[in-house]
């Protein structure tokens, strides 16, 4: 019973940390503020997460868990048929649903720490590795891709998606945004065909 309570409490703290970081910025979110937000003493938070670095490390795992949900419609389609429609796949990879799954400000604030913190760098490396591995597993299930090197293909797709996502986040003009999305989608279609 204690373990279940501990797991639930940790999850509550991480979710509270995420919500505050989303609202105020990661750099403005302290353990004391999390405690106040959740109505619990900071000492309880520090019992589970002795440092902010450890808390951020767990936040990155939370981010990964949320980001993996981007694949849900693709996986459902594969269960019904042994392949996924390239349009379903590509539309999902370039969907703005990424923004619904995780806040860009929190994602990139955590990411920026990789340049100063080896633990965070390792966590982000793992996050990106898991996203690619999951994509590879999906590609492996698609009968139309049986002869392809799906490890290489998942890497190539993610290079396009991540680069596009980073670049597109700076574009405010909706028409220009959509033009660029079409260019990036076509790059992935070409990868799937080649």
Protein backbone atom coordinates (compact mmCIF):
# COMPACT_ATOMS: atom_id res chain seq x y z
CA UNK A 1 0.00 0.00 0.00
CA UNK A 2 2.84 2.40 0.84
CA UNK A 3 4.37 1.88 -2.59
CA UNK A 4 1.09 2.79 -4.35
CA UNK A 5 0.78 5.93 -2.22
CA UNK A 6 4.41 6.79 -2.98
CA UNK A 7 3.90 6.31 -6.72
CA UNK A 8 0.71 8.39 -6.68
CA UNK A 9 2.37 11.15 -4.65
CA UNK A 10 5.36 11.29 -7.01
CA UNK A 11 3.03 11.49 -10.00
CA UNK A 12 1.05 14.30 -8.33
CA UNK A 13 4.26 16.23 -7.67
CA UNK A 14 5.55 15.80 -11.23
CA UNK A 15 2.22 16.87 -12.71
CA UNK A 16 2.11 19.87 -10.38
CA UNK A 17 5.68 20.76 -11.36
CA UNK A 18 4.74 20.52 -15.03
CA UNK A 19 1.65 22.72 -14.62
CA UNK A 20 3.61 25.40 -12.74
CA UNK A 21 6.51 25.27 -15.21
CA UNK A 22 4.00 25.62 -18.05
CA UNK A 23 2.40 28.63 -16.35
CA UNK A 24 5.48 30.40 -14.91
CA UNK A 25 8.48 28.92 -16.74
CA UNK A 26 10.79 26.19 -15.52
CA UNK A 27 13.31 28.69 -14.18
CA UNK A 28 10.63 30.36 -12.03
CA UNK A 29 9.30 27.14 -10.53
CA UNK A 30 10.81 26.23 -7.18
CA UNK A 31 10.14 23.35 -4.82
CA UNK A 32 8.53 25.86 -2.43
CA UNK A 33 6.16 27.06 -5.17
CA UNK A 34 5.27 23.48 -6.08
CA UNK A 35 4.49 22.80 -2.43
CA UNK A 36 2.27 25.86 -2.21
CA UNK A 37 0.53 24.95 -5.48
CA UNK A 38 -0.15 21.40 -4.29
CA UNK A 39 -0.89 22.30 -0.69
CA UNK A 40 1.92 20.21 0.71
CA UNK A 41 5.07 21.08 2.62
CA UNK A 42 8.23 21.48 0.52
CA UNK A 43 9.89 18.92 2.81
CA UNK A 44 7.48 16.27 1.50
CA UNK A 45 8.44 17.11 -2.08
CA UNK A 46 12.12 16.94 -1.11
CA UNK A 47 11.49 13.54 0.50
CA UNK A 48 10.61 12.20 -2.97
CA UNK A 49 12.83 14.52 -5.02
CA UNK A 50 15.80 15.75 -2.94
CA UNK A 51 16.99 18.19 -5.64
CA UNK A 52 15.44 20.14 -8.48
CA UNK A 53 17.76 18.25 -10.84
CA UNK A 54 16.12 14.96 -9.80
CA UNK A 55 12.70 16.55 -10.18
CA UNK A 56 13.56 17.74 -13.70
CA UNK A 57 14.88 14.29 -14.55
CA UNK A 58 11.49 12.81 -13.63
CA UNK A 59 9.74 15.61 -15.52
CA UNK A 60 11.58 14.50 -18.66
CA UNK A 61 10.22 10.96 -18.15
CA UNK A 62 6.75 12.51 -17.82
CA UNK A 63 7.32 14.42 -21.07
CA UNK A 64 8.33 11.20 -22.84
CA UNK A 65 5.26 9.39 -21.59
CA UNK A 66 3.05 12.17 -22.95
CA UNK A 67 4.88 12.43 -26.30
CA UNK A 68 4.55 8.71 -26.99
CA UNK A 69 0.79 9.25 -27.24
CA UNK A 70 1.37 10.85 -30.65
CA UNK A 71 1.62 7.31 -32.03
CA UNK A 72 -1.75 6.10 -30.69
CA UNK A 73 -3.81 6.60 -33.90
CA UNK A 74 -1.06 4.98 -35.98
CA UNK A 75 -0.95 1.95 -33.69
CA UNK A 76 -4.76 1.65 -33.80
CA UNK A 77 -4.67 1.70 -37.60
CA UNK A 78 -2.00 -1.01 -37.64
CA UNK A 79 -4.18 -3.24 -35.44
CA UNK A 80 -7.02 -3.03 -37.96
CA UNK A 81 -4.81 -3.54 -41.01
CA UNK A 82 -1.18 -4.58 -41.38
CA UNK A 83 -0.09 -1.22 -42.71
CA UNK A 84 -0.70 2.42 -42.03
CA UNK A 85 -1.86 4.89 -44.62
CA UNK A 86 1.15 7.15 -45.31
CA UNK A 87 -1.15 10.19 -45.04
CA UNK A 88 -2.35 9.13 -41.57
CA UNK A 89 1.23 8.53 -40.54
CA UNK A 90 2.70 11.75 -41.94
CA UNK A 91 -0.23 13.89 -40.80
CA UNK A 92 0.21 12.55 -37.28
CA UNK A 93 3.95 13.17 -37.25
CA UNK A 94 3.37 16.79 -38.31
CA UNK A 95 0.26 17.27 -36.20
CA UNK A 96 -0.09 20.17 -33.83
CA UNK A 97 -1.18 17.55 -31.33
CA UNK A 98 2.44 17.55 -30.17
CA UNK A 99 1.55 20.93 -28.63
CA UNK A 100 -1.45 19.43 -26.87
CA UNK A 101 0.66 16.64 -25.44
CA UNK A 102 3.40 18.80 -23.99
CA UNK A 103 4.07 22.51 -23.67
CA UNK A 104 6.91 23.74 -25.91
CA UNK A 105 8.17 26.14 -23.24
CA UNK A 106 8.61 23.34 -20.72
CA UNK A 107 10.11 21.00 -23.31
CA UNK A 108 12.69 23.48 -24.56
CA UNK A 109 13.47 24.87 -21.09
CA UNK A 110 14.33 21.35 -19.96
CA UNK A 111 16.20 20.73 -23.21
CA UNK A 112 18.38 23.82 -22.78
CA UNK A 113 19.76 22.27 -19.59
CA UNK A 114 21.55 19.55 -21.59
CA UNK A 115 24.34 22.04 -22.26
CA UNK A 116 25.10 22.39 -18.54
CA UNK A 117 23.93 19.18 -16.93
CA UNK A 118 25.10 15.69 -17.88
CA UNK A 119 22.21 13.96 -16.10
CA UNK A 120 19.63 16.01 -18.02
CA UNK A 121 21.57 15.40 -21.26
CA UNK A 122 21.39 11.66 -20.60
CA UNK A 123 17.64 11.89 -19.90
CA UNK A 124 17.02 13.80 -23.14
CA UNK A 125 19.16 11.36 -25.10
CA UNK A 126 16.99 8.58 -23.67
CA UNK A 127 13.79 10.48 -24.54
CA UNK A 128 14.84 10.85 -28.17
CA UNK A 129 16.05 7.26 -28.34
CA UNK A 130 12.70 5.98 -27.01
CA UNK A 131 10.72 8.09 -29.48
CA UNK A 132 12.81 6.65 -32.33
CA UNK A 133 12.61 3.08 -31.01
CA UNK A 134 8.84 3.31 -30.74
CA UNK A 135 8.63 4.69 -34.26
CA UNK A 136 10.86 1.85 -35.49
CA UNK A 137 8.55 -0.70 -33.83
CA UNK A 138 5.60 0.88 -35.62
CA UNK A 139 7.44 0.85 -38.96
CA UNK A 140 8.38 -2.80 -38.38
CA UNK A 141 4.69 -3.70 -38.16
CA UNK A 142 3.88 -2.12 -41.52
CA UNK A 143 3.94 -4.89 -44.12
CA UNK A 144 4.66 -2.36 -46.87
CA UNK A 145 7.97 -1.48 -45.20
CA UNK A 146 9.26 -5.03 -44.66
CA UNK A 147 12.25 -4.57 -46.98
CA UNK A 148 13.30 -1.22 -45.50
CA UNK A 149 15.92 -0.48 -42.90
CA UNK A 150 13.39 0.77 -40.34
CA UNK A 151 16.07 1.87 -37.86
CA UNK A 152 17.55 4.20 -40.45
CA UNK A 153 14.10 5.26 -41.67
CA UNK A 154 12.92 6.18 -38.15
CA UNK A 155 16.11 8.19 -37.63
CA UNK A 156 15.64 10.04 -40.92
CA UNK A 157 11.98 10.76 -40.23
CA UNK A 158 12.80 12.15 -36.81
CA UNK A 159 15.53 14.39 -38.19
CA UNK A 160 12.95 15.95 -40.50
CA UNK A 161 10.19 16.11 -37.86
CA UNK A 162 12.37 17.56 -35.10
CA UNK A 163 14.03 20.08 -37.38
CA UNK A 164 10.66 21.09 -38.81
CA UNK A 165 9.03 21.36 -35.41
CA UNK A 166 11.84 23.55 -34.09
CA UNK A 167 11.71 25.81 -37.17
CA UNK A 168 7.91 25.95 -37.41
CA UNK A 169 7.60 27.07 -33.78
CA UNK A 170 9.07 30.43 -34.85
CA UNK A 171 6.59 31.05 -37.69
CA UNK A 172 3.54 33.14 -36.81
CA UNK A 173 2.13 33.54 -40.32
CA UNK A 174 -0.40 30.70 -40.74
CA UNK A 175 -0.12 30.58 -44.54
CA UNK A 176 3.66 30.38 -44.46
CA UNK A 177 3.44 27.76 -41.70
CA UNK A 178 1.20 25.55 -43.85
CA UNK A 179 3.48 25.98 -46.88
CA UNK A 180 6.48 24.82 -44.84
CA UNK A 181 4.54 21.88 -43.38
CA UNK A 182 3.77 20.66 -46.90
CA UNK A 183 7.47 20.81 -47.79
CA UNK A 184 8.44 18.81 -44.68
CA UNK A 185 5.65 16.28 -45.16
CA UNK A 186 6.81 15.69 -48.72
CA UNK A 187 10.30 14.96 -47.44
CA UNK A 188 8.88 12.20 -45.22
CA UNK A 189 6.71 10.84 -48.06
CA UNK A 190 9.89 10.61 -50.16
CA UNK A 191 11.66 8.75 -47.34
CA UNK A 192 8.78 6.27 -47.07
CA UNK A 193 8.81 5.68 -50.84
CA UNK A 194 12.56 5.41 -51.40
